[in-house]
Amino acid sequence: MGIELRHLRYFIALAEAKSFGRAAVALGIAQPALSQQIRKLENELDVVLFVRGNDGSHLTPAGEAFLPGAAASVADAADAVATAKRVGRGESGRLKIGF
């Protein structure tokens, strides 16, 4: 399967919201779809990222360790997109002027 950027976004949203329902609303997706994607991510990593309970969902130690890297990856992807757009619009580069 492989880890996709959306899996990281879903993971971060759930870590912040601490609730599948609230995270799903924030992401604009259905709660069962979010739950399924988090399970896929956990299966891909072969670790449990969240403890699910009546009081919400909380990060496991593996989830706590994964969160900084996931957040950095999402931020790096956003930076790369922004950079590509700036260059595409001609707003980046060098200009040498001599006289």
N, C-alpha and C. Protein backbone atom coordinates (compact mmCIF):
# COMPACT_ATOMS: atom_id res chain seq x y z
N MET A 1 0.83 -1.19 0.00
CA MET A 1 0.00 0.00 0.00
C MET A 1 0.87 1.26 0.00
N GLY A 2 1.72 1.44 0.99
CA GLY A 2 2.54 2.63 1.09
C GLY A 2 1.81 3.74 1.84
N ILE A 3 2.57 4.55 2.51
CA ILE A 3 2.00 5.65 3.26
C ILE A 3 1.81 6.84 2.32
N GLU A 4 0.63 7.41 2.36
CA GLU A 4 0.32 8.57 1.54
C GLU A 4 0.23 9.82 2.42
N LEU A 5 0.38 10.96 1.80
CA LEU A 5 0.33 12.22 2.53
C LEU A 5 -1.00 12.38 3.27
N ARG A 6 -2.08 11.92 2.67
CA ARG A 6 -3.39 12.03 3.34
C ARG A 6 -3.41 11.23 4.63
N HIS A 7 -2.72 10.09 4.67
CA HIS A 7 -2.67 9.31 5.90
C HIS A 7 -2.02 10.12 7.02
N LEU A 8 -0.98 10.85 6.67
CA LEU A 8 -0.31 11.68 7.67
C LEU A 8 -1.21 12.81 8.13
N ARG A 9 -1.94 13.41 7.18
CA ARG A 9 -2.87 14.49 7.56
C ARG A 9 -3.97 13.96 8.47
N TYR A 10 -4.49 12.80 8.14
CA TYR A 10 -5.53 12.18 8.96
C TYR A 10 -5.00 11.87 10.36
N PHE A 11 -3.81 11.32 10.41
CA PHE A 11 -3.18 10.99 11.69
C PHE A 11 -3.03 12.24 12.56
N ILE A 12 -2.53 13.31 11.98
CA ILE A 12 -2.32 14.56 12.72
C ILE A 12 -3.65 15.13 13.21
N ALA A 13 -4.65 15.12 12.35
CA ALA A 13 -5.97 15.63 12.74
C ALA A 13 -6.54 14.84 13.91
N LEU A 14 -6.40 13.53 13.87
CA LEU A 14 -6.92 12.69 14.95
C LEU A 14 -6.11 12.91 16.23
N ALA A 15 -4.81 13.05 16.11
CA ALA A 15 -3.98 13.30 17.28
C ALA A 15 -4.38 14.61 17.96
N GLU A 16 -4.71 15.62 17.15
CA GLU A 16 -5.12 16.92 17.70
C GLU A 16 -6.52 16.88 18.28
N ALA A 17 -7.45 16.24 17.58
CA ALA A 17 -8.85 16.24 18.00
C ALA A 17 -9.13 15.24 19.12
N LYS A 18 -8.34 14.17 19.16
CA LYS A 18 -8.52 13.11 20.16
C LYS A 18 -9.88 12.44 20.07
N SER A 19 -10.50 12.54 18.91
CA SER A 19 -11.81 11.94 18.67
C SER A 19 -11.96 11.71 17.18
N PHE A 20 -12.36 10.48 16.82
CA PHE A 20 -12.56 10.18 15.41
C PHE A 20 -13.66 11.06 14.82
N GLY A 21 -14.73 11.27 15.58
CA GLY A 21 -15.84 12.08 15.08
C GLY A 21 -15.43 13.51 14.82
N ARG A 22 -14.76 14.14 15.80
CA ARG A 22 -14.33 15.53 15.63
C ARG A 22 -13.28 15.66 14.52
N ALA A 23 -12.36 14.71 14.44
CA ALA A 23 -11.34 14.76 13.39
C ALA A 23 -11.97 14.61 12.02
N ALA A 24 -12.95 13.71 11.90
CA ALA A 24 -13.62 13.51 10.61
C ALA A 24 -14.33 14.78 10.16
N VAL A 25 -14.99 15.44 11.09
CA VAL A 25 -15.67 16.69 10.76
C VAL A 25 -14.65 17.74 10.30
N ALA A 26 -13.55 17.86 11.03
CA ALA A 26 -12.51 18.84 10.67
C ALA A 26 -11.92 18.55 9.29
N LEU A 27 -11.82 17.27 8.95
CA LEU A 27 -11.25 16.87 7.66
C LEU A 27 -12.27 16.88 6.53
N GLY A 28 -13.54 16.91 6.89
CA GLY A 28 -14.60 16.88 5.88
C GLY A 28 -14.80 15.51 5.28
N ILE A 29 -14.55 14.46 6.07
CA ILE A 29 -14.77 13.10 5.61
C ILE A 29 -15.66 12.36 6.61
N ALA A 30 -16.14 11.21 6.22
CA ALA A 30 -16.98 10.41 7.10
C ALA A 30 -16.11 9.72 8.15
N GLN A 31 -16.67 9.56 9.34
CA GLN A 31 -15.93 8.92 10.43
C GLN A 31 -15.48 7.51 10.10
N PRO A 32 -16.34 6.66 9.47
CA PRO A 32 -15.86 5.32 9.13
C PRO A 32 -14.68 5.34 8.15
N ALA A 33 -14.67 6.30 7.24
CA ALA A 33 -13.55 6.41 6.29
C ALA A 33 -12.26 6.77 7.03
N LEU A 34 -12.36 7.68 7.97
CA LEU A 34 -11.19 8.06 8.76
C LEU A 34 -10.67 6.87 9.55
N SER A 35 -11.58 6.17 10.20
CA SER A 35 -11.20 5.00 10.99
C SER A 35 -10.49 3.96 10.11
N GLN A 36 -11.01 3.74 8.93
CA GLN A 36 -10.42 2.77 8.00
C GLN A 36 -9.02 3.21 7.58
N GLN A 37 -8.83 4.48 7.29
CA GLN A 37 -7.53 4.98 6.85
C GLN A 37 -6.50 4.92 7.98
N ILE A 38 -6.92 5.20 9.20
CA ILE A 38 -6.01 5.10 10.34
C ILE A 38 -5.60 3.65 10.56
N ARG A 39 -6.54 2.73 10.40
CA ARG A 39 -6.21 1.30 10.51
C ARG A 39 -5.21 0.89 9.43
N LYS A 40 -5.40 1.40 8.21
CA LYS A 40 -4.46 1.10 7.13
C LYS A 40 -3.06 1.63 7.45
N LEU A 41 -3.00 2.83 7.99
CA LEU A 41 -1.72 3.41 8.37
C LEU A 41 -1.05 2.56 9.44
N GLU A 42 -1.82 2.18 10.46
CA GLU A 42 -1.27 1.35 11.53
C GLU A 42 -0.80 0.00 10.98
N ASN A 43 -1.54 -0.57 10.06
CA ASN A 43 -1.13 -1.84 9.46
C ASN A 43 0.15 -1.67 8.65
N GLU A 44 0.25 -0.58 7.92
CA GLU A 44 1.45 -0.32 7.12
C GLU A 44 2.68 -0.16 8.02
N LEU A 45 2.50 0.53 9.13
CA LEU A 45 3.61 0.75 10.06
C LEU A 45 3.84 -0.44 10.98
N ASP A 46 2.84 -1.30 11.07
CA ASP A 46 2.86 -2.46 11.96
C ASP A 46 2.99 -2.04 13.43
N VAL A 47 2.30 -0.95 13.77
CA VAL A 47 2.23 -0.48 15.16
C VAL A 47 0.83 0.08 15.42
N VAL A 48 0.46 0.13 16.67
CA VAL A 48 -0.79 0.77 17.08
C VAL A 48 -0.44 2.21 17.44
N LEU A 49 -1.11 3.15 16.78
CA LEU A 49 -0.82 4.57 17.00
C LEU A 49 -1.75 5.21 18.02
N PHE A 50 -2.95 4.66 18.17
CA PHE A 50 -3.95 5.24 19.06
C PHE A 50 -4.54 4.18 19.97
N VAL A 51 -4.81 4.58 21.21
CA VAL A 51 -5.62 3.78 22.12
C VAL A 51 -7.02 4.34 22.00
N ARG A 52 -7.94 3.50 21.58
CA ARG A 52 -9.32 3.93 21.40
C ARG A 52 -10.12 3.56 22.63
N GLY A 53 -10.87 4.52 23.15
CA GLY A 53 -11.66 4.26 24.34
C GLY A 53 -12.90 5.13 24.38
N ASN A 54 -13.68 4.95 25.43
CA ASN A 54 -14.90 5.74 25.59
C ASN A 54 -14.60 7.21 25.80
N ASP A 55 -13.41 7.51 26.30
CA ASP A 55 -13.03 8.91 26.54
C ASP A 55 -12.27 9.51 25.36
N GLY A 56 -12.32 8.87 24.21
CA GLY A 56 -11.66 9.39 23.02
C GLY A 56 -10.50 8.53 22.59
N SER A 57 -9.69 9.06 21.72
CA SER A 57 -8.53 8.36 21.19
C SER A 57 -7.27 9.10 21.62
N HIS A 58 -6.33 8.35 22.15
CA HIS A 58 -5.09 8.94 22.65
C HIS A 58 -3.91 8.25 21.99
N LEU A 59 -2.86 9.02 21.77
CA LEU A 59 -1.66 8.47 21.14
C LEU A 59 -0.97 7.45 22.04
N THR A 60 -0.51 6.39 21.43
CA THR A 60 0.35 5.43 22.12
C THR A 60 1.77 6.01 22.10
N PRO A 61 2.70 5.39 22.80
CA PRO A 61 4.09 5.86 22.70
C PRO A 61 4.59 5.86 21.24
N ALA A 62 4.20 4.86 20.46
CA ALA A 62 4.58 4.84 19.05
C ALA A 62 3.97 6.02 18.30
N GLY A 63 2.72 6.34 18.62
CA GLY A 63 2.06 7.48 18.01
C GLY A 63 2.73 8.79 18.38
N GLU A 64 3.12 8.93 19.64
CA GLU A 64 3.84 10.13 20.10
C GLU A 64 5.15 10.28 19.36
N ALA A 65 5.83 9.17 19.13
CA ALA A 65 7.11 9.21 18.42
C ALA A 65 6.93 9.52 16.94
N PHE A 66 5.81 9.09 16.37
CA PHE A 66 5.53 9.29 14.95
C PHE A 66 5.07 10.71 14.63
N LEU A 67 4.42 11.36 15.56
CA LEU A 67 3.79 12.66 15.32
C LEU A 67 4.75 13.75 14.82
N PRO A 68 5.91 13.97 15.44
CA PRO A 68 6.78 15.04 14.93
C PRO A 68 7.23 14.82 13.49
N GLY A 69 7.56 13.60 13.15
CA GLY A 69 7.98 13.31 11.78
C GLY A 69 6.85 13.47 10.79
N ALA A 70 5.65 13.05 11.19
CA ALA A 70 4.48 13.19 10.32
C ALA A 70 4.19 14.67 10.08
N ALA A 71 4.24 15.46 11.14
CA ALA A 71 3.98 16.90 11.01
C ALA A 71 5.03 17.56 10.13
N ALA A 72 6.29 17.18 10.30
CA ALA A 72 7.36 17.75 9.48
C ALA A 72 7.19 17.36 8.01
N SER A 73 6.78 16.14 7.76
CA SER A 73 6.57 15.69 6.37
C SER A 73 5.46 16.47 5.69
N VAL A 74 4.36 16.68 6.40
CA VAL A 74 3.25 17.45 5.84
C VAL A 74 3.68 18.89 5.59
N ALA A 75 4.42 19.47 6.52
CA ALA A 75 4.90 20.84 6.35
C ALA A 75 5.87 20.94 5.18
N ASP A 76 6.77 19.95 5.04
CA ASP A 76 7.71 19.94 3.93
C ASP A 76 6.99 19.84 2.59
N ALA A 77 5.96 19.02 2.54
CA ALA A 77 5.19 18.89 1.30
C ALA A 77 4.51 20.20 0.95
N ALA A 78 3.95 20.87 1.94
CA ALA A 78 3.30 22.16 1.69
C ALA A 78 4.31 23.20 1.21
N ASP A 79 5.50 23.19 1.80
CA ASP A 79 6.56 24.11 1.37
C ASP A 79 6.98 23.83 -0.07
N ALA A 80 7.10 22.56 -0.42
CA ALA A 80 7.49 22.19 -1.78
C ALA A 80 6.46 22.67 -2.79
N VAL A 81 5.19 22.51 -2.46
CA VAL A 81 4.12 22.97 -3.35
C VAL A 81 4.18 24.49 -3.52
N ALA A 82 4.34 25.19 -2.40
CA ALA A 82 4.40 26.65 -2.45
C ALA A 82 5.60 27.12 -3.28
N THR A 83 6.74 26.47 -3.12
CA THR A 83 7.94 26.82 -3.88
C THR A 83 7.73 26.60 -5.37
N ALA A 84 7.16 25.45 -5.72
CA ALA A 84 6.90 25.16 -7.14
C ALA A 84 5.96 26.19 -7.75
N LYS A 85 4.95 26.58 -7.01
CA LYS A 85 4.00 27.59 -7.51
C LYS A 85 4.67 28.93 -7.71
N ARG A 86 5.54 29.33 -6.75
CA ARG A 86 6.26 30.62 -6.89
C ARG A 86 7.15 30.60 -8.12
N VAL A 87 7.88 29.53 -8.31
CA VAL A 87 8.77 29.43 -9.46
C VAL A 87 7.96 29.42 -10.75
N GLY A 88 6.85 28.70 -10.74
CA GLY A 88 5.99 28.64 -11.92
C GLY A 88 5.43 30.00 -12.31
N ARG A 89 5.23 30.87 -11.32
CA ARG A 89 4.73 32.22 -11.59
C ARG A 89 5.87 33.19 -11.88
N GLY A 90 7.10 32.71 -11.81
CA GLY A 90 8.25 33.58 -12.07
C GLY A 90 8.60 34.47 -10.90
N GLU A 91 8.17 34.10 -9.71
CA GLU A 91 8.41 34.93 -8.52
C GLU A 91 9.65 34.50 -7.76
N SER A 92 10.45 33.65 -8.34
CA SER A 92 11.64 33.16 -7.66
C SER A 92 12.77 33.05 -8.65
N GLY A 93 13.96 33.21 -8.18
CA GLY A 93 15.12 33.08 -9.05
C GLY A 93 16.09 34.22 -8.78
N ARG A 94 17.06 34.35 -9.68
CA ARG A 94 18.07 35.39 -9.54
C ARG A 94 17.94 36.40 -10.67
N LEU A 95 18.23 37.59 -10.33
CA LEU A 95 18.25 38.65 -11.31
C LEU A 95 19.58 39.37 -11.17
N LYS A 96 20.38 39.33 -12.24
CA LYS A 96 21.68 40.02 -12.21
C LYS A 96 21.57 41.26 -13.09
N ILE A 97 21.96 42.34 -12.52
CA ILE A 97 21.93 43.60 -13.26
C ILE A 97 23.33 44.19 -13.24
N GLY A 98 23.80 44.53 -14.38
CA GLY A 98 25.12 45.15 -14.50
C GLY A 98 25.01 46.45 -15.26
N PHE A 99 25.89 47.34 -14.91
CA PHE A 99 25.92 48.60 -15.67
C PHE A 99 27.30 49.17 -15.71
